[in-house]
Amino acid sequence: MSNTAVAAHPEVTYVVATDGDEQVVVAEPLVDKALGEGWVTTGETFTGKDMERWTYERPFELIEFPEPAHYVVNAEYVTTEDGTGLVHQSPPSARTTSRSARRTACRS
């Protein structure tokens, strides 16, 4: 099953941002680039290490998953060069994501 976890870099600072309707978590250096106009940070910050083992709500509910599912794992390969600073994981289908998931005891 894909997208059963999301990886955060343990040393990156992540922030909560809102557009007034919803809240998202994104790497602090990527807020403007990833979200664009209309988003502001709430002042809440966390490191990727703080977020390890958090659960999260999937952006799309296309299939049913047994609970608990969808954990944050830590991975050194996550960067803040582009995107959101978070990388969706597919533990059964890739060696690096599988290692990250096993380290956090995340099973799909």
PDB file of N, CA and C in Angstrom:
ATOM      1  N   MET A   1       0.846  -1.184   0.000  1.00  0.00           N
ATOM      2  CA  MET A   1       0.000   0.000   0.000  1.00  0.00           C
ATOM      3  C   MET A   1       0.881   1.232   0.000  1.00  0.00           C
ATOM      4  N   SER A   2       0.520   2.210  -0.778  1.00  0.00           N
ATOM      5  CA  SER A   2       1.325   3.421  -0.854  1.00  0.00           C
ATOM      6  C   SER A   2       0.835   4.471   0.128  1.00  0.00           C
ATOM      7  N   ASN A   3       1.709   5.438   0.355  1.00  0.00           N
ATOM      8  CA  ASN A   3       1.403   6.587   1.210  1.00  0.00           C
ATOM      9  C   ASN A   3       0.879   6.191   2.589  1.00  0.00           C
ATOM     10  N   THR A   4       1.590   5.271   3.224  1.00  0.00           N
ATOM     11  CA  THR A   4       1.200   4.860   4.570  1.00  0.00           C
ATOM     12  C   THR A   4       1.978   5.596   5.641  1.00  0.00           C
ATOM     13  N   ALA A   5       2.916   6.434   5.211  1.00  0.00           N
ATOM     14  CA  ALA A   5       3.701   7.237   6.146  1.00  0.00           C
ATOM     15  C   ALA A   5       4.197   8.466   5.403  1.00  0.00           C
ATOM     16  N   VAL A   6       4.711   9.423   6.158  1.00  0.00           N
ATOM     17  CA  VAL A   6       5.344  10.594   5.560  1.00  0.00           C
ATOM     18  C   VAL A   6       6.641  10.838   6.316  1.00  0.00           C
ATOM     19  N   ALA A   7       7.710  11.124   5.577  1.00  0.00           N
ATOM     20  CA  ALA A   7       9.020  11.336   6.195  1.00  0.00           C
ATOM     21  C   ALA A   7       9.298  12.824   6.380  1.00  0.00           C
ATOM     22  N   ALA A   8       9.878  13.141   7.526  1.00  0.00           N
ATOM     23  CA  ALA A   8      10.335  14.495   7.852  1.00  0.00           C
ATOM     24  C   ALA A   8      11.810  14.395   8.221  1.00  0.00           C
ATOM     25  N   HIS A   9      12.587  15.402   7.872  1.00  0.00           N
ATOM     26  CA  HIS A   9      13.998  15.402   8.266  1.00  0.00           C
ATOM     27  C   HIS A   9      14.065  15.739   9.752  1.00  0.00           C
ATOM     28  N   PRO A  10      14.789  14.960  10.551  1.00  0.00           N
ATOM     29  CA  PRO A  10      14.784  15.179  11.996  1.00  0.00           C
ATOM     30  C   PRO A  10      15.319  16.537  12.441  1.00  0.00           C
ATOM     31  N   GLU A  11      16.169  17.168  11.637  1.00  0.00           N
ATOM     32  CA  GLU A  11      16.784  18.436  12.041  1.00  0.00           C
ATOM     33  C   GLU A  11      16.137  19.669  11.423  1.00  0.00           C
ATOM     34  N   VAL A  12      15.113  19.491  10.612  1.00  0.00           N
ATOM     35  CA  VAL A  12      14.429  20.616   9.971  1.00  0.00           C
ATOM     36  C   VAL A  12      13.324  21.125  10.892  1.00  0.00           C
ATOM     37  N   THR A  13      13.122  22.439  10.895  1.00  0.00           N
ATOM     38  CA  THR A  13      12.008  23.036  11.630  1.00  0.00           C
ATOM     39  C   THR A  13      10.799  23.110  10.712  1.00  0.00           C
ATOM     40  N   TYR A  14       9.680  22.634  11.212  1.00  0.00           N
ATOM     41  CA  TYR A  14       8.411  22.645  10.490  1.00  0.00           C
ATOM     42  C   TYR A  14       7.461  23.606  11.184  1.00  0.00           C
ATOM     43  N   VAL A  15       6.576  24.220  10.414  1.00  0.00           N
ATOM     44  CA  VAL A  15       5.629  25.184  10.961  1.00  0.00           C
ATOM     45  C   VAL A  15       4.212  24.806  10.560  1.00  0.00           C
ATOM     46  N   VAL A  16       3.267  25.283  11.339  1.00  0.00           N
ATOM     47  CA  VAL A  16       1.855  25.157  10.986  1.00  0.00           C
ATOM     48  C   VAL A  16       1.475  26.433  10.246  1.00  0.00           C
ATOM     49  N   ALA A  17       0.825  26.281   9.095  1.00  0.00           N
ATOM     50  CA  ALA A  17       0.358  27.424   8.310  1.00  0.00           C
ATOM     51  C   ALA A  17      -1.135  27.265   8.065  1.00  0.00           C
ATOM     52  N   THR A  18      -1.804  28.395   7.901  1.00  0.00           N
ATOM     53  CA  THR A  18      -3.246  28.366   7.661  1.00  0.00           C
ATOM     54  C   THR A  18      -3.627  29.380   6.587  1.00  0.00           C
ATOM     55  N   ASP A  19      -4.695  29.060   5.885  1.00  0.00           N
ATOM     56  CA  ASP A  19      -5.284  30.000   4.931  1.00  0.00           C
ATOM     57  C   ASP A  19      -6.608  30.534   5.472  1.00  0.00           C
ATOM     58  N   GLY A  20      -6.870  30.258   6.744  1.00  0.00           N
ATOM     59  CA  GLY A  20      -8.112  30.668   7.375  1.00  0.00           C
ATOM     60  C   GLY A  20      -9.138  29.554   7.427  1.00  0.00           C
ATOM     61  N   ASP A  21      -9.015  28.584   6.534  1.00  0.00           N
ATOM     62  CA  ASP A  21      -9.942  27.458   6.501  1.00  0.00           C
ATOM     63  C   ASP A  21      -9.298  26.160   6.958  1.00  0.00           C
ATOM     64  N   GLU A  22      -8.089  25.910   6.488  1.00  0.00           N
ATOM     65  CA  GLU A  22      -7.413  24.670   6.860  1.00  0.00           C
ATOM     66  C   GLU A  22      -6.006  24.966   7.365  1.00  0.00           C
ATOM     67  N   GLN A  23      -5.429  23.975   8.057  1.00  0.00           N
ATOM     68  CA  GLN A  23      -4.064  24.088   8.554  1.00  0.00           C
ATOM     69  C   GLN A  23      -3.224  22.968   7.957  1.00  0.00           C
ATOM     70  N   VAL A  24      -1.978  23.296   7.626  1.00  0.00           N
ATOM     71  CA  VAL A  24      -1.038  22.324   7.091  1.00  0.00           C
ATOM     72  C   VAL A  24       0.299  22.496   7.792  1.00  0.00           C
ATOM     73  N   VAL A  25       1.123  21.457   7.722  1.00  0.00           N
ATOM     74  CA  VAL A  25       2.476  21.514   8.255  1.00  0.00           C
ATOM     75  C   VAL A  25       3.427  21.482   7.072  1.00  0.00           C
ATOM     76  N   VAL A  26       4.411  22.380   7.082  1.00  0.00           N
ATOM     77  CA  VAL A  26       5.374  22.495   5.987  1.00  0.00           C
ATOM     78  C   VAL A  26       6.723  22.906   6.574  1.00  0.00           C
ATOM     79  N   ALA A  27       7.816  22.540   5.905  1.00  0.00           N
ATOM     80  CA  ALA A  27       9.139  22.947   6.356  1.00  0.00           C
ATOM     81  C   ALA A  27       9.222  24.473   6.339  1.00  0.00           C
ATOM     82  N   GLU A  28       9.753  25.032   7.395  1.00  0.00           N
ATOM     83  CA  GLU A  28       9.807  26.488   7.532  1.00  0.00           C
ATOM     84  C   GLU A  28      10.445  27.194   6.334  1.00  0.00           C
ATOM     85  N   PRO A  29      11.579  26.682   5.797  1.00  0.00           N
ATOM     86  CA  PRO A  29      12.180  27.391   4.655  1.00  0.00           C
ATOM     87  C   PRO A  29      11.340  27.353   3.374  1.00  0.00           C
ATOM     88  N   LEU A  30      10.304  26.528   3.332  1.00  0.00           N
ATOM     89  CA  LEU A  30       9.526  26.345   2.104  1.00  0.00           C
ATOM     90  C   LEU A  30       8.122  26.930   2.160  1.00  0.00           C
ATOM     91  N   VAL A  31       7.779  27.619   3.226  1.00  0.00           N
ATOM     92  CA  VAL A  31       6.405  28.109   3.376  1.00  0.00           C
ATOM     93  C   VAL A  31       5.963  28.920   2.165  1.00  0.00           C
ATOM     94  N   ASP A  32       6.685  29.977   1.826  1.00  0.00           N
ATOM     95  CA  ASP A  32       6.273  30.834   0.714  1.00  0.00           C
ATOM     96  C   ASP A  32       6.292  30.100  -0.616  1.00  0.00           C
ATOM     97  N   LYS A  33       7.339  29.332  -0.848  1.00  0.00           N
ATOM     98  CA  LYS A  33       7.486  28.612  -2.114  1.00  0.00           C
ATOM     99  C   LYS A  33       6.422  27.525  -2.281  1.00  0.00           C
ATOM    100  N   ALA A  34       6.119  26.803  -1.217  1.00  0.00           N
ATOM    101  CA  ALA A  34       5.168  25.693  -1.303  1.00  0.00           C
ATOM    102  C   ALA A  34       3.715  26.147  -1.268  1.00  0.00           C
ATOM    103  N   LEU A  35       3.424  27.181  -0.494  1.00  0.00           N
ATOM    104  CA  LEU A  35       2.019  27.549  -0.284  1.00  0.00           C
ATOM    105  C   LEU A  35       1.574  28.790  -1.038  1.00  0.00           C
ATOM    106  N   GLY A  36       2.471  29.707  -1.300  1.00  0.00           N
ATOM    107  CA  GLY A  36       2.099  30.912  -2.029  1.00  0.00           C
ATOM    108  C   GLY A  36       1.327  31.904  -1.171  1.00  0.00           C
ATOM    109  N   GLU A  37       0.663  32.832  -1.842  1.00  0.00           N
ATOM    110  CA  GLU A  37      -0.075  33.894  -1.156  1.00  0.00           C
ATOM    111  C   GLU A  37      -1.301  33.353  -0.437  1.00  0.00           C
ATOM    112  N   GLY A  38      -1.694  34.052   0.614  1.00  0.00           N
ATOM    113  CA  GLY A  38      -2.913  33.699   1.332  1.00  0.00           C
ATOM    114  C   GLY A  38      -2.684  32.795   2.526  1.00  0.00           C
ATOM    115  N   TRP A  39      -1.454  32.336   2.728  1.00  0.00           N
ATOM    116  CA  TRP A  39      -1.132  31.467   3.860  1.00  0.00           C
ATOM    117  C   TRP A  39      -0.277  32.234   4.857  1.00  0.00           C
ATOM    118  N   VAL A  40      -0.546  32.036   6.137  1.00  0.00           N
ATOM    119  CA  VAL A  40       0.260  32.642   7.201  1.00  0.00           C
ATOM    120  C   VAL A  40       0.617  31.559   8.215  1.00  0.00           C
ATOM    121  N   THR A  41       1.735  31.727   8.874  1.00  0.00           N
ATOM    122  CA  THR A  41       2.112  30.760   9.902  1.00  0.00           C
ATOM    123  C   THR A  41       1.401  31.111  11.202  1.00  0.00           C
ATOM    124  N   THR A  42       1.142  30.083  11.994  1.00  0.00           N
ATOM    125  CA  THR A  42       0.401  30.274  13.247  1.00  0.00           C
ATOM    126  C   THR A  42       1.303  30.536  14.439  1.00  0.00           C
ATOM    127  N   GLY A  43       2.612  30.320  14.260  1.00  0.00           N
ATOM    128  CA  GLY A  43       3.551  30.466  15.373  1.00  0.00           C
ATOM    129  C   GLY A  43       3.945  29.127  15.982  1.00  0.00           C
ATOM    130  N   GLU A  44       3.229  28.059  15.616  1.00  0.00           N
ATOM    131  CA  GLU A  44       3.573  26.726  16.113  1.00  0.00           C
ATOM    132  C   GLU A  44       4.731  26.170  15.285  1.00  0.00           C
ATOM    133  N   THR A  45       5.790  25.713  15.962  1.00  0.00           N
ATOM    134  CA  THR A  45       6.926  25.119  15.279  1.00  0.00           C
ATOM    135  C   THR A  45       7.317  23.803  15.945  1.00  0.00           C
ATOM    136  N   PHE A  46       7.881  22.906  15.147  1.00  0.00           N
ATOM    137  CA  PHE A  46       8.311  21.591  15.619  1.00  0.00           C
ATOM    138  C   PHE A  46       9.510  21.172  14.784  1.00  0.00           C
ATOM    139  N   THR A  47      10.384  20.373  15.346  1.00  0.00           N
ATOM    140  CA  THR A  47      11.420  19.757  14.523  1.00  0.00           C
ATOM    141  C   THR A  47      10.858  18.461  13.960  1.00  0.00           C
ATOM    142  N   GLY A  48      11.498  17.974  12.929  1.00  0.00           N
ATOM    143  CA  GLY A  48      11.095  16.677  12.394  1.00  0.00           C
ATOM    144  C   GLY A  48      11.202  15.599  13.459  1.00  0.00           C
ATOM    145  N   LYS A  49      12.213  15.700  14.308  1.00  0.00           N
ATOM    146  CA  LYS A  49      12.374  14.727  15.392  1.00  0.00           C
ATOM    147  C   LYS A  49      11.182  14.775  16.337  1.00  0.00           C
ATOM    148  N   ASP A  50      10.677  15.984  16.646  1.00  0.00           N
ATOM    149  CA  ASP A  50       9.491  16.126  17.500  1.00  0.00           C
ATOM    150  C   ASP A  50       8.277  15.432  16.876  1.00  0.00           C
ATOM    151  N   MET A  51       8.208  15.462  15.555  1.00  0.00           N
ATOM    152  CA  MET A  51       7.040  14.941  14.852  1.00  0.00           C
ATOM    153  C   MET A  51       7.072  13.431  14.652  1.00  0.00           C
ATOM    154  N   GLU A  52       8.208  12.800  14.901  1.00  0.00           N
ATOM    155  CA  GLU A  52       8.317  11.356  14.680  1.00  0.00           C
ATOM    156  C   GLU A  52       7.237  10.613  15.451  1.00  0.00           C
ATOM    157  N   ARG A  53       6.555   9.691  14.763  1.00  0.00           N
ATOM    158  CA  ARG A  53       5.457   8.868  15.285  1.00  0.00           C
ATOM    159  C   ARG A  53       4.123   9.612  15.421  1.00  0.00           C
ATOM    160  N   TRP A  54       4.068  10.877  15.018  1.00  0.00           N
ATOM    161  CA  TRP A  54       2.774  11.546  14.970  1.00  0.00           C
ATOM    162  C   TRP A  54       1.913  10.816  13.939  1.00  0.00           C
ATOM    163  N   THR A  55       0.610  10.871  14.100  1.00  0.00           N
ATOM    164  CA  THR A  55      -0.290  10.408  13.063  1.00  0.00           C
ATOM    165  C   THR A  55      -0.789  11.630  12.301  1.00  0.00           C
ATOM    166  N   TYR A  56      -1.267  11.410  11.101  1.00  0.00           N
ATOM    167  CA  TYR A  56      -1.762  12.530  10.300  1.00  0.00           C
ATOM    168  C   TYR A  56      -2.976  12.109   9.497  1.00  0.00           C
ATOM    169  N   GLU A  57      -3.697  13.100   9.020  1.00  0.00           N
ATOM    170  CA  GLU A  57      -4.870  12.875   8.183  1.00  0.00           C
ATOM    171  C   GLU A  57      -4.444  12.898   6.720  1.00  0.00           C
ATOM    172  N   ARG A  58      -4.794  11.866   5.979  1.00  0.00           N
ATOM    173  CA  ARG A  58      -4.446  11.798   4.563  1.00  0.00           C
ATOM    174  C   ARG A  58      -5.205  12.857   3.771  1.00  0.00           C
ATOM    175  N   PRO A  59      -4.570  13.377   2.708  1.00  0.00           N
ATOM    176  CA  PRO A  59      -5.264  14.384   1.897  1.00  0.00           C
ATOM    177  C   PRO A  59      -6.423  13.809   1.096  1.00  0.00           C
ATOM    178  N   PHE A  60      -6.361  12.513   0.777  1.00  0.00           N
ATOM    179  CA  PHE A  60      -7.425  11.865   0.014  1.00  0.00           C
ATOM    180  C   PHE A  60      -7.784  10.557   0.688  1.00  0.00           C
ATOM    181  N   GLU A  61      -9.043  10.300   0.843  1.00  0.00           N
ATOM    182  CA  GLU A  61      -9.526   9.061   1.456  1.00  0.00           C
ATOM    183  C   GLU A  61     -10.061   8.146   0.350  1.00  0.00           C
ATOM    184  N   LEU A  62      -9.157   7.594  -0.441  1.00  0.00           N
ATOM    185  CA  LEU A  62      -9.579   6.775  -1.580  1.00  0.00           C
ATOM    186  C   LEU A  62      -9.818   5.317  -1.214  1.00  0.00           C
ATOM    187  N   ILE A  63      -9.085   4.819  -0.223  1.00  0.00           N
ATOM    188  CA  ILE A  63      -9.286   3.454   0.245  1.00  0.00           C
ATOM    189  C   ILE A  63      -9.260   3.437   1.764  1.00  0.00           C
ATOM    190  N   GLU A  64      -9.866   2.428   2.332  1.00  0.00           N
ATOM    191  CA  GLU A  64      -9.931   2.303   3.786  1.00  0.00           C
ATOM    192  C   GLU A  64      -8.645   1.661   4.305  1.00  0.00           C
ATOM    193  N   PHE A  65      -8.125   2.181   5.410  1.00  0.00           N
ATOM    194  CA  PHE A  65      -6.944   1.628   6.057  1.00  0.00           C
ATOM    195  C   PHE A  65      -7.315   1.183   7.454  1.00  0.00           C
ATOM    196  N   PRO A  66      -6.739   0.081   7.928  1.00  0.00           N
ATOM    197  CA  PRO A  66      -6.956  -0.290   9.329  1.00  0.00           C
ATOM    198  C   PRO A  66      -6.257   0.723  10.228  1.00  0.00           C
ATOM    199  N   GLU A  67      -6.818   1.002  11.359  1.00  0.00           N
ATOM    200  CA  GLU A  67      -6.208   1.940  12.305  1.00  0.00           C
ATOM    201  C   GLU A  67      -5.306   1.182  13.258  1.00  0.00           C
ATOM    202  N   PRO A  68      -4.272   1.718  13.794  1.00  0.00           N
ATOM    203  CA  PRO A  68      -3.724   3.025  13.423  1.00  0.00           C
ATOM    204  C   PRO A  68      -2.888   2.927  12.149  1.00  0.00           C
ATOM    205  N   ALA A  69      -2.827   3.997  11.432  1.00  0.00           N
ATOM    206  CA  ALA A  69      -2.038   4.071  10.201  1.00  0.00           C
ATOM    207  C   ALA A  69      -1.581   5.512  10.013  1.00  0.00           C
ATOM    208  N   HIS A  70      -0.705   5.737   9.067  1.00  0.00           N
ATOM    209  CA  HIS A  70      -0.267   7.073   8.664  1.00  0.00           C
ATOM    210  C   HIS A  70       0.530   7.782   9.756  1.00  0.00           C
ATOM    211  N   TYR A  71       1.784   7.374   9.850  1.00  0.00           N
ATOM    212  CA  TYR A  71       2.705   7.937  10.828  1.00  0.00           C
ATOM    213  C   TYR A  71       3.761   8.806  10.166  1.00  0.00           C
ATOM    214  N   VAL A  72       4.305   9.740  10.931  1.00  0.00           N
ATOM    215  CA  VAL A  72       5.476  10.494  10.508  1.00  0.00           C
ATOM    216  C   VAL A  72       6.702   9.695  10.920  1.00  0.00           C
ATOM    217  N   VAL A  73       7.622   9.508   9.967  1.00  0.00           N
ATOM    218  CA  VAL A  73       8.896   8.848  10.229  1.00  0.00           C
ATOM    219  C   VAL A  73      10.009   9.859   9.949  1.00  0.00           C
ATOM    220  N   ASN A  74      11.192   9.620  10.452  1.00  0.00           N
ATOM    221  CA  ASN A  74      12.337  10.499  10.182  1.00  0.00           C
ATOM    222  C   ASN A  74      13.223   9.881   9.116  1.00  0.00           C
ATOM    223  N   ALA A  75      13.739  10.718   8.228  1.00  0.00           N
ATOM    224  CA  ALA A  75      14.640  10.271   7.171  1.00  0.00           C
ATOM    225  C   ALA A  75      15.591  11.403   6.805  1.00  0.00           C
ATOM    226  N   GLU A  76      16.873  11.096   6.792  1.00  0.00           N
ATOM    227  CA  GLU A  76      17.904  12.087   6.472  1.00  0.00           C
ATOM    228  C   GLU A  76      17.852  12.539   5.013  1.00  0.00           C
ATOM    229  N   TYR A  77      17.248  11.743   4.108  1.00  0.00           N
ATOM    230  CA  TYR A  77      17.222  12.107   2.688  1.00  0.00           C
ATOM    231  C   TYR A  77      16.181  13.170   2.356  1.00  0.00           C
ATOM    232  N   VAL A  78      15.336  13.551   3.295  1.00  0.00           N
ATOM    233  CA  VAL A  78      14.345  14.601   3.047  1.00  0.00           C
ATOM    234  C   VAL A  78      15.078  15.945   2.971  1.00  0.00           C
ATOM    235  N   THR A  79      14.763  16.747   1.961  1.00  0.00           N
ATOM    236  CA  THR A  79      15.443  18.037   1.783  1.00  0.00           C
ATOM    237  C   THR A  79      14.454  19.193   1.863  1.00  0.00           C
ATOM    238  N   THR A  80      15.016  20.391   1.907  1.00  0.00           N
ATOM    239  CA  THR A  80      14.194  21.610   1.872  1.00  0.00           C
ATOM    240  C   THR A  80      14.508  22.412   0.612  1.00  0.00           C
ATOM    241  N   GLU A  81      14.902  21.714  -0.443  1.00  0.00           N
ATOM    242  CA  GLU A  81      15.185  22.391  -1.707  1.00  0.00           C
ATOM    243  C   GLU A  81      13.915  22.730  -2.474  1.00  0.00           C
ATOM    244  N   ASP A  82      12.901  21.881  -2.363  1.00  0.00           N
ATOM    245  CA  ASP A  82      11.624  22.151  -3.037  1.00  0.00           C
ATOM    246  C   ASP A  82      10.538  21.335  -2.365  1.00  0.00           C
ATOM    247  N   GLY A  83       9.320  21.479  -2.853  1.00  0.00           N
ATOM    248  CA  GLY A  83       8.193  20.755  -2.264  1.00  0.00           C
ATOM    249  C   GLY A  83       7.800  21.325  -0.911  1.00  0.00           C
ATOM    250  N   THR A  84       7.440  20.446   0.007  1.00  0.00           N
ATOM    251  CA  THR A  84       6.978  20.869   1.336  1.00  0.00           C
ATOM    252  C   THR A  84       7.952  20.503   2.447  1.00  0.00           C
ATOM    253  N   GLY A  85       9.015  19.759   2.099  1.00  0.00           N
ATOM    254  CA  GLY A  85       9.926  19.274   3.123  1.00  0.00           C
ATOM    255  C   GLY A  85       9.420  18.006   3.789  1.00  0.00           C
ATOM    256  N   LEU A  86       8.384  17.427   3.214  1.00  0.00           N
ATOM    257  CA  LEU A  86       7.813  16.160   3.681  1.00  0.00           C
ATOM    258  C   LEU A  86       7.729  15.228   2.476  1.00  0.00           C
ATOM    259  N   VAL A  87       8.036  13.947   2.685  1.00  0.00           N
ATOM    260  CA  VAL A  87       8.046  12.993   1.576  1.00  0.00           C
ATOM    261  C   VAL A  87       7.131  11.822   1.914  1.00  0.00           C
ATOM    262  N   HIS A  88       6.113  11.617   1.081  1.00  0.00           N
ATOM    263  CA  HIS A  88       5.216  10.477   1.283  1.00  0.00           C
ATOM    264  C   HIS A  88       5.986   9.185   1.080  1.00  0.00           C
ATOM    265  N   GLN A  89       5.677   8.201   1.898  1.00  0.00           N
ATOM    266  CA  GLN A  89       6.399   6.931   1.902  1.00  0.00           C
ATOM    267  C   GLN A  89       5.507   5.789   1.424  1.00  0.00           C
ATOM    268  N   SER A  90       6.138   4.822   0.824  1.00  0.00           N
ATOM    269  CA  SER A  90       5.465   3.608   0.385  1.00  0.00           C
ATOM    270  C   SER A  90       6.319   2.430   0.835  1.00  0.00           C
ATOM    271  N   PRO A  91       6.299   2.102   2.138  1.00  0.00           N
ATOM    272  CA  PRO A  91       7.225   1.126   2.706  1.00  0.00           C
ATOM    273  C   PRO A  91       7.353  -0.206   1.982  1.00  0.00           C
ATOM    274  N   PRO A  92       6.300  -0.823   1.499  1.00  0.00           N
ATOM    275  CA  PRO A  92       6.491  -2.128   0.856  1.00  0.00           C
ATOM    276  C   PRO A  92       7.183  -2.059  -0.502  1.00  0.00           C
ATOM    277  N   SER A  93       7.235  -0.862  -1.125  1.00  0.00           N
ATOM    278  CA  SER A  93       7.693  -0.831  -2.508  1.00  0.00           C
ATOM    279  C   SER A  93       9.032  -0.153  -2.746  1.00  0.00           C
ATOM    280  N   ALA A  94       9.703   0.326  -1.713  1.00  0.00           N
ATOM    281  CA  ALA A  94      11.006   0.965  -1.928  1.00  0.00           C
ATOM    282  C   ALA A  94      11.921   0.697  -0.746  1.00  0.00           C
ATOM    283  N   ARG A  95      13.165   0.381  -1.038  1.00  0.00           N
ATOM    284  CA  ARG A  95      14.107   0.013   0.008  1.00  0.00           C
ATOM    285  C   ARG A  95      14.316   1.132   1.030  1.00  0.00           C
ATOM    286  N   THR A  96      14.529   2.382   0.592  1.00  0.00           N
ATOM    287  CA  THR A  96      14.797   3.464   1.547  1.00  0.00           C
ATOM    288  C   THR A  96      13.586   3.776   2.395  1.00  0.00           C
ATOM    289  N   THR A  97      12.400   3.798   1.814  1.00  0.00           N
ATOM    290  CA  THR A  97      11.222   4.089   2.620  1.00  0.00           C
ATOM    291  C   THR A  97      10.914   2.938   3.549  1.00  0.00           C
ATOM    292  N   SER A  98      11.208   1.724   3.118  1.00  0.00           N
ATOM    293  CA  SER A  98      10.987   0.574   3.983  1.00  0.00           C
ATOM    294  C   SER A  98      11.890   0.634   5.211  1.00  0.00           C
ATOM    295  N   ARG A  99      13.155   1.027   5.018  1.00  0.00           N
ATOM    296  CA  ARG A  99      14.071   1.165   6.156  1.00  0.00           C
ATOM    297  C   ARG A  99      13.584   2.224   7.131  1.00  0.00           C
ATOM    298  N   SER A 100      13.128   3.371   6.621  1.00  0.00           N
ATOM    299  CA  SER A 100      12.623   4.441   7.488  1.00  0.00           C
ATOM    300  C   SER A 100      11.416   3.960   8.278  1.00  0.00           C
ATOM    301  N   ALA A 101      10.537   3.248   7.619  1.00  0.00           N
ATOM    302  CA  ALA A 101       9.325   2.765   8.282  1.00  0.00           C
ATOM    303  C   ALA A 101       9.658   1.714   9.342  1.00  0.00           C
ATOM    304  N   ARG A 102      10.567   0.796   9.020  1.00  0.00           N
ATOM    305  CA  ARG A 102      10.951  -0.230  10.006  1.00  0.00           C
ATOM    306  C   ARG A 102      11.581   0.400  11.234  1.00  0.00           C
ATOM    307  N   ARG A 103      12.411   1.415  11.029  1.00  0.00           N
ATOM    308  CA  ARG A 103      13.063   2.089  12.152  1.00  0.00           C
ATOM    309  C   ARG A 103      12.028   2.684  13.093  1.00  0.00           C
ATOM    310  N   THR A 104      10.876   3.074  12.571  1.00  0.00           N
ATOM    311  CA  THR A 104       9.825   3.675  13.372  1.00  0.00           C
ATOM    312  C   THR A 104       8.743   2.666  13.706  1.00  0.00           C
ATOM    313  N   ALA A 105       8.949   1.437  13.330  1.00  0.00           N
ATOM    314  CA  ALA A 105       7.991   0.355  13.563  1.00  0.00           C
ATOM    315  C   ALA A 105       6.655   0.633  12.888  1.00  0.00           C
ATOM    316  N   CYS A 106       6.725   1.202  11.699  1.00  0.00           N
ATOM    317  CA  CYS A 106       5.530   1.483  10.901  1.00  0.00           C
ATOM    318  C   CYS A 106       5.321   0.317   9.952  1.00  0.00           C
ATOM    319  N   ARG A 107       4.193  -0.278   9.988  1.00  0.00           N
ATOM    320  CA  ARG A 107       3.896  -1.397   9.108  1.00  0.00           C
ATOM    321  C   ARG A 107       2.663  -1.086   8.287  1.00  0.00           C
ATOM    322  N   SER A 108       2.672  -1.542   7.049  1.00  0.00           N
ATOM    323  CA  SER A 108       1.478  -1.330   6.222  1.00  0.00           C
ATOM    324  C   SER A 108       0.732  -2.632   6.080  1.00  0.00           C
TER     325      SER A 108
END
